[in-house]
């Protein structure tokens, strides 16, 4: 079983929260909300997205890097994570 599936309820909860925040931003834009309210909502979305990424990345690191017994596989997984972090931060 995938580690993502093991934590499905936590991850799904974060995704639903993110979807709710995106819907709120759309409503704010459609309703001509104040600029500061729109920016605040956009910041909340970014925070929710980062929280989701941290949770997924942490689970992946624990499962596929830290717990991996085979050194070659561990190195390969670490390289994959590094490339992902570079794309995420870039």
PDB file of N, CA and C in Angstrom:
ATOM      1  N   UNK A   1       0.854  -1.189   0.000  1.00  0.00           N
ATOM      2  CA  UNK A   1       0.000   0.000   0.000  1.00  0.00           C
ATOM      3  C   UNK A   1       0.892   1.241   0.000  1.00  0.00           C
ATOM      4  N   UNK A   2       0.536   2.193  -0.800  1.00  0.00           N
ATOM      5  CA  UNK A   2       1.269   3.452  -0.893  1.00  0.00           C
ATOM      6  C   UNK A   2       1.155   4.241   0.414  1.00  0.00           C
ATOM      7  N   UNK A   3       2.222   4.919   0.776  1.00  0.00           N
ATOM      8  CA  UNK A   3       2.163   5.736   1.993  1.00  0.00           C
ATOM      9  C   UNK A   3       1.146   6.858   1.857  1.00  0.00           C
ATOM     10  N   UNK A   4       0.869   7.288   0.636  1.00  0.00           N
ATOM     11  CA  UNK A   4      -0.161   8.321   0.427  1.00  0.00           C
ATOM     12  C   UNK A   4      -1.521   7.764   0.842  1.00  0.00           C
ATOM     13  N   UNK A   5      -1.784   6.504   0.491  1.00  0.00           N
ATOM     14  CA  UNK A   5      -3.050   5.882   0.860  1.00  0.00           C
ATOM     15  C   UNK A   5      -3.160   5.639   2.362  1.00  0.00           C
ATOM     16  N   UNK A   6      -2.036   5.417   3.018  1.00  0.00           N
ATOM     17  CA  UNK A   6      -2.051   5.199   4.465  1.00  0.00           C
ATOM     18  C   UNK A   6      -2.513   6.455   5.203  1.00  0.00           C
ATOM     19  N   UNK A   7      -2.240   7.616   4.646  1.00  0.00           N
ATOM     20  CA  UNK A   7      -2.599   8.889   5.272  1.00  0.00           C
ATOM     21  C   UNK A   7      -3.683   9.602   4.471  1.00  0.00           C
ATOM     22  N   UNK A   8      -4.506   8.830   3.799  1.00  0.00           N
ATOM     23  CA  UNK A   8      -5.487   9.383   2.870  1.00  0.00           C
ATOM     24  C   UNK A   8      -6.404  10.410   3.532  1.00  0.00           C
ATOM     25  N   UNK A   9      -6.880  10.138   4.739  1.00  0.00           N
ATOM     26  CA  UNK A   9      -7.832  11.058   5.363  1.00  0.00           C
ATOM     27  C   UNK A   9      -7.178  12.405   5.680  1.00  0.00           C
ATOM     28  N   UNK A  10      -5.937  12.399   6.163  1.00  0.00           N
ATOM     29  CA  UNK A  10      -5.243  13.669   6.444  1.00  0.00           C
ATOM     30  C   UNK A  10      -4.983  14.451   5.164  1.00  0.00           C
ATOM     31  N   UNK A  11      -4.506  13.759   4.150  1.00  0.00           N
ATOM     32  CA  UNK A  11      -4.182  14.415   2.885  1.00  0.00           C
ATOM     33  C   UNK A  11      -5.464  14.925   2.214  1.00  0.00           C
ATOM     34  N   UNK A  12      -6.487  14.108   2.223  1.00  0.00           N
ATOM     35  CA  UNK A  12      -7.761  14.511   1.628  1.00  0.00           C
ATOM     36  C   UNK A  12      -8.334  15.724   2.343  1.00  0.00           C
ATOM     37  N   UNK A  13      -8.206  15.759   3.650  1.00  0.00           N
ATOM     38  CA  UNK A  13      -8.675  16.910   4.420  1.00  0.00           C
ATOM     39  C   UNK A  13      -7.948  18.185   3.993  1.00  0.00           C
ATOM     40  N   UNK A  14      -6.651  18.080   3.798  1.00  0.00           N
ATOM     41  CA  UNK A  14      -5.881  19.247   3.345  1.00  0.00           C
ATOM     42  C   UNK A  14      -6.308  19.685   1.947  1.00  0.00           C
ATOM     43  N   UNK A  15      -6.564  18.728   1.073  1.00  0.00           N
ATOM     44  CA  UNK A  15      -6.997  19.053  -0.294  1.00  0.00           C
ATOM     45  C   UNK A  15      -8.356  19.737  -0.258  1.00  0.00           C
ATOM     46  N   UNK A  16      -9.258  19.233   0.569  1.00  0.00           N
ATOM     47  CA  UNK A  16     -10.586  19.861   0.677  1.00  0.00           C
ATOM     48  C   UNK A  16     -10.485  21.286   1.222  1.00  0.00           C
ATOM     49  N   UNK A  17      -9.610  21.483   2.186  1.00  0.00           N
ATOM     50  CA  UNK A  17      -9.400  22.829   2.724  1.00  0.00           C
ATOM     51  C   UNK A  17      -8.875  23.758   1.632  1.00  0.00           C
ATOM     52  N   UNK A  18      -7.945  23.261   0.855  1.00  0.00           N
ATOM     53  CA  UNK A  18      -7.375  24.045  -0.240  1.00  0.00           C
ATOM     54  C   UNK A  18      -8.448  24.375  -1.279  1.00  0.00           C
ATOM     55  N   UNK A  19      -9.287  23.389  -1.626  1.00  0.00           N
ATOM     56  CA  UNK A  19     -10.373  23.639  -2.574  1.00  0.00           C
ATOM     57  C   UNK A  19     -11.329  24.698  -2.025  1.00  0.00           C
ATOM     58  N   UNK A  20     -11.635  24.634  -0.741  1.00  0.00           N
ATOM     59  CA  UNK A  20     -12.513  25.633  -0.134  1.00  0.00           C
ATOM     60  C   UNK A  20     -11.917  27.028  -0.207  1.00  0.00           C
ATOM     61  N   UNK A  21     -10.619  27.114   0.011  1.00  0.00           N
ATOM     62  CA  UNK A  21      -9.964  28.414  -0.065  1.00  0.00           C
ATOM     63  C   UNK A  21      -9.940  28.939  -1.496  1.00  0.00           C
ATOM     64  N   UNK A  22      -9.746  28.062  -2.464  1.00  0.00           N
ATOM     65  CA  UNK A  22      -9.795  28.483  -3.862  1.00  0.00           C
ATOM     66  C   UNK A  22     -11.195  28.966  -4.233  1.00  0.00           C
ATOM     67  N   UNK A  23     -12.210  28.247  -3.768  1.00  0.00           N
ATOM     68  CA  UNK A  23     -13.593  28.677  -4.024  1.00  0.00           C
ATOM     69  C   UNK A  23     -13.859  30.041  -3.388  1.00  0.00           C
ATOM     70  N   UNK A  24     -13.347  30.244  -2.180  1.00  0.00           N
ATOM     71  CA  UNK A  24     -13.535  31.522  -1.501  1.00  0.00           C
ATOM     72  C   UNK A  24     -12.852  32.650  -2.267  1.00  0.00           C
ATOM     73  N   UNK A  25     -11.686  32.373  -2.814  1.00  0.00           N
ATOM     74  CA  UNK A  25     -10.987  33.385  -3.606  1.00  0.00           C
ATOM     75  C   UNK A  25     -11.789  33.713  -4.862  1.00  0.00           C
ATOM     76  N   UNK A  26     -12.315  32.705  -5.516  1.00  0.00           N
ATOM     77  CA  UNK A  26     -13.126  32.938  -6.708  1.00  0.00           C
ATOM     78  C   UNK A  26     -14.353  33.790  -6.370  1.00  0.00           C
ATOM     79  N   UNK A  27     -15.015  33.461  -5.266  1.00  0.00           N
ATOM     80  CA  UNK A  27     -16.182  34.246  -4.850  1.00  0.00           C
ATOM     81  C   UNK A  27     -15.784  35.685  -4.535  1.00  0.00           C
ATOM     82  N   UNK A  28     -14.642  35.857  -3.898  1.00  0.00           N
ATOM     83  CA  UNK A  28     -14.175  37.204  -3.565  1.00  0.00           C
ATOM     84  C   UNK A  28     -13.919  38.015  -4.837  1.00  0.00           C
ATOM     85  N   UNK A  29     -13.323  37.387  -5.825  1.00  0.00           N
ATOM     86  CA  UNK A  29     -13.046  38.078  -7.085  1.00  0.00           C
ATOM     87  C   UNK A  29     -14.335  38.398  -7.840  1.00  0.00           C
ATOM     88  N   UNK A  30     -15.247  37.451  -7.843  1.00  0.00           N
ATOM     89  CA  UNK A  30     -16.527  37.680  -8.524  1.00  0.00           C
ATOM     90  C   UNK A  30     -17.369  38.732  -7.807  1.00  0.00           C
ATOM     91  N   UNK A  31     -17.188  38.850  -6.506  1.00  0.00           N
ATOM     92  CA  UNK A  31     -17.979  39.786  -5.721  1.00  0.00           C
ATOM     93  C   UNK A  31     -17.311  41.133  -5.526  1.00  0.00           C
ATOM     94  N   UNK A  32     -16.248  41.392  -6.271  1.00  0.00           N
ATOM     95  CA  UNK A  32     -15.527  42.667  -6.161  1.00  0.00           C
ATOM     96  C   UNK A  32     -15.068  42.943  -4.731  1.00  0.00           C
ATOM     97  N   UNK A  33     -14.479  41.948  -4.107  1.00  0.00           N
ATOM     98  CA  UNK A  33     -13.979  42.089  -2.741  1.00  0.00           C
ATOM     99  C   UNK A  33     -12.836  43.090  -2.684  1.00  0.00           C
ATOM    100  N   UNK A  34     -12.589  43.569  -1.510  1.00  0.00           N
ATOM    101  CA  UNK A  34     -11.487  44.487  -1.254  1.00  0.00           C
ATOM    102  C   UNK A  34     -10.160  43.811  -1.623  1.00  0.00           C
ATOM    103  N   UNK A  35      -9.241  44.572  -2.149  1.00  0.00           N
ATOM    104  CA  UNK A  35      -7.941  44.069  -2.588  1.00  0.00           C
ATOM    105  C   UNK A  35      -7.212  43.331  -1.468  1.00  0.00           C
ATOM    106  N   UNK A  36      -7.237  43.874  -0.272  1.00  0.00           N
ATOM    107  CA  UNK A  36      -6.547  43.252   0.852  1.00  0.00           C
ATOM    108  C   UNK A  36      -7.172  41.895   1.194  1.00  0.00           C
ATOM    109  N   UNK A  37      -8.486  41.782   1.074  1.00  0.00           N
ATOM    110  CA  UNK A  37      -9.150  40.503   1.314  1.00  0.00           C
ATOM    111  C   UNK A  37      -8.732  39.460   0.283  1.00  0.00           C
ATOM    112  N   UNK A  38      -8.608  39.872  -0.965  1.00  0.00           N
ATOM    113  CA  UNK A  38      -8.183  38.966  -2.027  1.00  0.00           C
ATOM    114  C   UNK A  38      -6.745  38.506  -1.784  1.00  0.00           C
ATOM    115  N   UNK A  39      -5.875  39.432  -1.434  1.00  0.00           N
ATOM    116  CA  UNK A  39      -4.484  39.086  -1.156  1.00  0.00           C
ATOM    117  C   UNK A  39      -4.369  38.158   0.049  1.00  0.00           C
ATOM    118  N   UNK A  40      -5.167  38.414   1.064  1.00  0.00           N
ATOM    119  CA  UNK A  40      -5.166  37.564   2.253  1.00  0.00           C
ATOM    120  C   UNK A  40      -5.605  36.149   1.899  1.00  0.00           C
ATOM    121  N   UNK A  41      -6.634  36.036   1.079  1.00  0.00           N
ATOM    122  CA  UNK A  41      -7.108  34.721   0.660  1.00  0.00           C
ATOM    123  C   UNK A  41      -6.047  34.017  -0.176  1.00  0.00           C
ATOM    124  N   UNK A  42      -5.378  34.748  -1.060  1.00  0.00           N
ATOM    125  CA  UNK A  42      -4.311  34.155  -1.873  1.00  0.00           C
ATOM    126  C   UNK A  42      -3.166  33.657  -0.985  1.00  0.00           C
ATOM    127  N   UNK A  43      -2.843  34.401   0.059  1.00  0.00           N
ATOM    128  CA  UNK A  43      -1.801  33.973   0.997  1.00  0.00           C
ATOM    129  C   UNK A  43      -2.228  32.711   1.745  1.00  0.00           C
ATOM    130  N   UNK A  44      -3.498  32.629   2.097  1.00  0.00           N
ATOM    131  CA  UNK A  44      -4.008  31.434   2.782  1.00  0.00           C
ATOM    132  C   UNK A  44      -3.910  30.216   1.866  1.00  0.00           C
ATOM    133  N   UNK A  45      -4.184  30.408   0.592  1.00  0.00           N
ATOM    134  CA  UNK A  45      -4.086  29.312  -0.379  1.00  0.00           C
ATOM    135  C   UNK A  45      -2.642  28.841  -0.492  1.00  0.00           C
ATOM    136  N   UNK A  46      -1.736  29.780  -0.552  1.00  0.00           N
ATOM    137  CA  UNK A  46      -0.323  29.408  -0.636  1.00  0.00           C
ATOM    138  C   UNK A  46       0.091  28.615   0.599  1.00  0.00           C
ATOM    139  N   UNK A  47      -0.345  29.057   1.772  1.00  0.00           N
ATOM    140  CA  UNK A  47      -0.018  28.341   3.001  1.00  0.00           C
ATOM    141  C   UNK A  47      -0.596  26.939   3.013  1.00  0.00           C
ATOM    142  N   UNK A  48      -1.831  26.798   2.554  1.00  0.00           N
ATOM    143  CA  UNK A  48      -2.463  25.477   2.509  1.00  0.00           C
ATOM    144  C   UNK A  48      -1.742  24.567   1.523  1.00  0.00           C
ATOM    145  N   UNK A  49      -1.346  25.107   0.399  1.00  0.00           N
ATOM    146  CA  UNK A  49      -0.623  24.333  -0.599  1.00  0.00           C
ATOM    147  C   UNK A  49       0.734  23.882  -0.055  1.00  0.00           C
ATOM    148  N   UNK A  50       1.407  24.771   0.614  1.00  0.00           N
ATOM    149  CA  UNK A  50       2.703  24.418   1.200  1.00  0.00           C
ATOM    150  C   UNK A  50       2.537  23.372   2.298  1.00  0.00           C
ATOM    151  N   UNK A  51       1.494  23.489   3.089  1.00  0.00           N
ATOM    152  CA  UNK A  51       1.243  22.497   4.128  1.00  0.00           C
ATOM    153  C   UNK A  51       1.004  21.118   3.535  1.00  0.00           C
ATOM    154  N   UNK A  52       0.254  21.062   2.443  1.00  0.00           N
ATOM    155  CA  UNK A  52       0.019  19.800   1.756  1.00  0.00           C
ATOM    156  C   UNK A  52       1.334  19.231   1.230  1.00  0.00           C
ATOM    157  N   UNK A  53       2.139  20.072   0.615  1.00  0.00           N
ATOM    158  CA  UNK A  53       3.419  19.623   0.073  1.00  0.00           C
ATOM    159  C   UNK A  53       4.331  19.097   1.177  1.00  0.00           C
ATOM    160  N   UNK A  54       4.397  19.799   2.298  1.00  0.00           N
ATOM    161  CA  UNK A  54       5.244  19.374   3.413  1.00  0.00           C
ATOM    162  C   UNK A  54       4.796  18.017   3.935  1.00  0.00           C
ATOM    163  N   UNK A  55       3.490  17.835   4.075  1.00  0.00           N
ATOM    164  CA  UNK A  55       2.976  16.548   4.553  1.00  0.00           C
ATOM    165  C   UNK A  55       3.330  15.418   3.594  1.00  0.00           C
ATOM    166  N   UNK A  56       3.085  15.619   2.305  1.00  0.00           N
ATOM    167  CA  UNK A  56       3.392  14.591   1.314  1.00  0.00           C
ATOM    168  C   UNK A  56       4.893  14.314   1.235  1.00  0.00           C
ATOM    169  N   UNK A  57       5.673  15.361   1.242  1.00  0.00           N
ATOM    170  CA  UNK A  57       7.122  15.211   1.156  1.00  0.00           C
ATOM    171  C   UNK A  57       7.685  14.516   2.395  1.00  0.00           C
ATOM    172  N   UNK A  58       7.192  14.895   3.562  1.00  0.00           N
ATOM    173  CA  UNK A  58       7.649  14.255   4.794  1.00  0.00           C
ATOM    174  C   UNK A  58       7.359  12.767   4.802  1.00  0.00           C
ATOM    175  N   UNK A  59       6.142  12.404   4.400  1.00  0.00           N
ATOM    176  CA  UNK A  59       5.790  10.984   4.321  1.00  0.00           C
ATOM    177  C   UNK A  59       6.689  10.256   3.327  1.00  0.00           C
ATOM    178  N   UNK A  60       6.919  10.886   2.184  1.00  0.00           N
ATOM    179  CA  UNK A  60       7.760  10.264   1.161  1.00  0.00           C
ATOM    180  C   UNK A  60       9.191  10.075   1.674  1.00  0.00           C
ATOM    181  N   UNK A  61       9.735  11.092   2.302  1.00  0.00           N
ATOM    182  CA  UNK A  61      11.097  10.991   2.834  1.00  0.00           C
ATOM    183  C   UNK A  61      11.213   9.857   3.853  1.00  0.00           C
ATOM    184  N   UNK A  62      10.254   9.794   4.771  1.00  0.00           N
ATOM    185  CA  UNK A  62      10.302   8.741   5.788  1.00  0.00           C
ATOM    186  C   UNK A  62      10.195   7.349   5.160  1.00  0.00           C
ATOM    187  N   UNK A  63       9.310   7.204   4.200  1.00  0.00           N
ATOM    188  CA  UNK A  63       9.047   5.892   3.615  1.00  0.00           C
ATOM    189  C   UNK A  63      10.121   5.464   2.620  1.00  0.00           C
ATOM    190  N   UNK A  64      10.544   6.373   1.749  1.00  0.00           N
ATOM    191  CA  UNK A  64      11.383   5.986   0.620  1.00  0.00           C
ATOM    192  C   UNK A  64      12.852   6.385   0.739  1.00  0.00           C
ATOM    193  N   UNK A  65      13.193   7.164   1.736  1.00  0.00           N
ATOM    194  CA  UNK A  65      14.601   7.535   1.911  1.00  0.00           C
ATOM    195  C   UNK A  65      15.103   7.008   3.255  1.00  0.00           C
ATOM    196  N   UNK A  66      14.507   7.457   4.328  1.00  0.00           N
ATOM    197  CA  UNK A  66      14.986   7.093   5.662  1.00  0.00           C
ATOM    198  C   UNK A  66      14.837   5.592   5.919  1.00  0.00           C
ATOM    199  N   UNK A  67      13.690   5.015   5.587  1.00  0.00           N
ATOM    200  CA  UNK A  67      13.428   3.608   5.898  1.00  0.00           C
ATOM    201  C   UNK A  67      13.984   2.638   4.847  1.00  0.00           C
ATOM    202  N   UNK A  68      14.478   3.158   3.741  1.00  0.00           N
ATOM    203  CA  UNK A  68      14.982   2.296   2.665  1.00  0.00           C
ATOM    204  C   UNK A  68      16.283   1.630   3.088  1.00  0.00           C
ATOM    205  N   UNK A  69      16.320   0.312   2.972  1.00  0.00           N
ATOM    206  CA  UNK A  69      17.510  -0.457   3.376  1.00  0.00           C
ATOM    207  C   UNK A  69      18.596  -0.463   2.301  1.00  0.00           C
ATOM    208  N   UNK A  70      18.196  -0.487   1.051  1.00  0.00           N
ATOM    209  CA  UNK A  70      19.140  -0.562  -0.066  1.00  0.00           C
ATOM    210  C   UNK A  70      19.747   0.825  -0.307  1.00  0.00           C
ATOM    211  N   UNK A  71      21.059   0.931  -0.141  1.00  0.00           N
ATOM    212  CA  UNK A  71      21.730   2.226  -0.256  1.00  0.00           C
ATOM    213  C   UNK A  71      21.575   2.852  -1.638  1.00  0.00           C
ATOM    214  N   UNK A  72      21.644   2.057  -2.682  1.00  0.00           N
ATOM    215  CA  UNK A  72      21.509   2.586  -4.042  1.00  0.00           C
ATOM    216  C   UNK A  72      20.107   3.152  -4.257  1.00  0.00           C
ATOM    217  N   UNK A  73      19.104   2.445  -3.778  1.00  0.00           N
ATOM    218  CA  UNK A  73      17.725   2.927  -3.908  1.00  0.00           C
ATOM    219  C   UNK A  73      17.546   4.189  -3.078  1.00  0.00           C
ATOM    220  N   UNK A  74      18.092   4.182  -1.873  1.00  0.00           N
ATOM    221  CA  UNK A  74      18.004   5.354  -0.997  1.00  0.00           C
ATOM    222  C   UNK A  74      18.623   6.578  -1.660  1.00  0.00           C
ATOM    223  N   UNK A  75      19.787   6.412  -2.272  1.00  0.00           N
ATOM    224  CA  UNK A  75      20.458   7.518  -2.978  1.00  0.00           C
ATOM    225  C   UNK A  75      19.613   8.008  -4.148  1.00  0.00           C
ATOM    226  N   UNK A  76      19.054   7.075  -4.895  1.00  0.00           N
ATOM    227  CA  UNK A  76      18.215   7.436  -6.034  1.00  0.00           C
ATOM    228  C   UNK A  76      16.977   8.202  -5.574  1.00  0.00           C
ATOM    229  N   UNK A  77      16.334   7.724  -4.526  1.00  0.00           N
ATOM    230  CA  UNK A  77      15.151   8.399  -3.992  1.00  0.00           C
ATOM    231  C   UNK A  77      15.507   9.788  -3.475  1.00  0.00           C
ATOM    232  N   UNK A  78      16.643   9.905  -2.811  1.00  0.00           N
ATOM    233  CA  UNK A  78      17.083  11.211  -2.315  1.00  0.00           C
ATOM    234  C   UNK A  78      17.298  12.171  -3.483  1.00  0.00           C
ATOM    235  N   UNK A  79      17.874  11.683  -4.570  1.00  0.00           N
ATOM    236  CA  UNK A  79      18.061  12.519  -5.766  1.00  0.00           C
ATOM    237  C   UNK A  79      16.720  12.956  -6.348  1.00  0.00           C
ATOM    238  N   UNK A  80      15.759  12.026  -6.378  1.00  0.00           N
ATOM    239  CA  UNK A  80      14.427  12.382  -6.877  1.00  0.00           C
ATOM    240  C   UNK A  80      13.785  13.474  -6.020  1.00  0.00           C
ATOM    241  N   UNK A  81      13.925  13.334  -4.719  1.00  0.00           N
ATOM    242  CA  UNK A  81      13.357  14.334  -3.811  1.00  0.00           C
ATOM    243  C   UNK A  81      14.037  15.679  -4.029  1.00  0.00           C
ATOM    244  N   UNK A  82      15.335  15.669  -4.191  1.00  0.00           N
ATOM    245  CA  UNK A  82      16.062  16.915  -4.418  1.00  0.00           C
ATOM    246  C   UNK A  82      15.585  17.597  -5.698  1.00  0.00           C
ATOM    247  N   UNK A  83      15.397  16.835  -6.758  1.00  0.00           N
ATOM    248  CA  UNK A  83      14.887  17.406  -8.006  1.00  0.00           C
ATOM    249  C   UNK A  83      13.481  17.977  -7.818  1.00  0.00           C
ATOM    250  N   UNK A  84      12.652  17.279  -7.066  1.00  0.00           N
ATOM    251  CA  UNK A  84      11.304  17.764  -6.788  1.00  0.00           C
ATOM    252  C   UNK A  84      11.342  19.071  -6.003  1.00  0.00           C
ATOM    253  N   UNK A  85      12.188  19.137  -5.007  1.00  0.00           N
ATOM    254  CA  UNK A  85      12.310  20.362  -4.195  1.00  0.00           C
ATOM    255  C   UNK A  85      12.796  21.522  -5.060  1.00  0.00           C
ATOM    256  N   UNK A  86      13.726  21.258  -5.950  1.00  0.00           N
ATOM    257  CA  UNK A  86      14.217  22.298  -6.855  1.00  0.00           C
ATOM    258  C   UNK A  86      13.087  22.828  -7.743  1.00  0.00           C
ATOM    259  N   UNK A  87      12.263  21.920  -8.290  1.00  0.00           N
ATOM    260  CA  UNK A  87      11.125  22.349  -9.117  1.00  0.00           C
ATOM    261  C   UNK A  87      10.116  23.136  -8.276  1.00  0.00           C
ATOM    262  N   UNK A  88       9.877  22.664  -7.077  1.00  0.00           N
ATOM    263  CA  UNK A  88       8.884  23.312  -6.196  1.00  0.00           C
ATOM    264  C   UNK A  88       9.329  24.724  -5.805  1.00  0.00           C
ATOM    265  N   UNK A  89      10.602  24.864  -5.485  1.00  0.00           N
ATOM    266  CA  UNK A  89      11.116  26.157  -5.036  1.00  0.00           C
ATOM    267  C   UNK A  89      11.483  27.076  -6.188  1.00  0.00           C
ATOM    268  N   UNK A  90      11.686  26.490  -7.370  1.00  0.00           N
ATOM    269  CA  UNK A  90      12.132  27.266  -8.523  1.00  0.00           C
ATOM    270  C   UNK A  90      11.034  27.983  -9.150  1.00  0.00           C
TER     271      UNK A  90
END
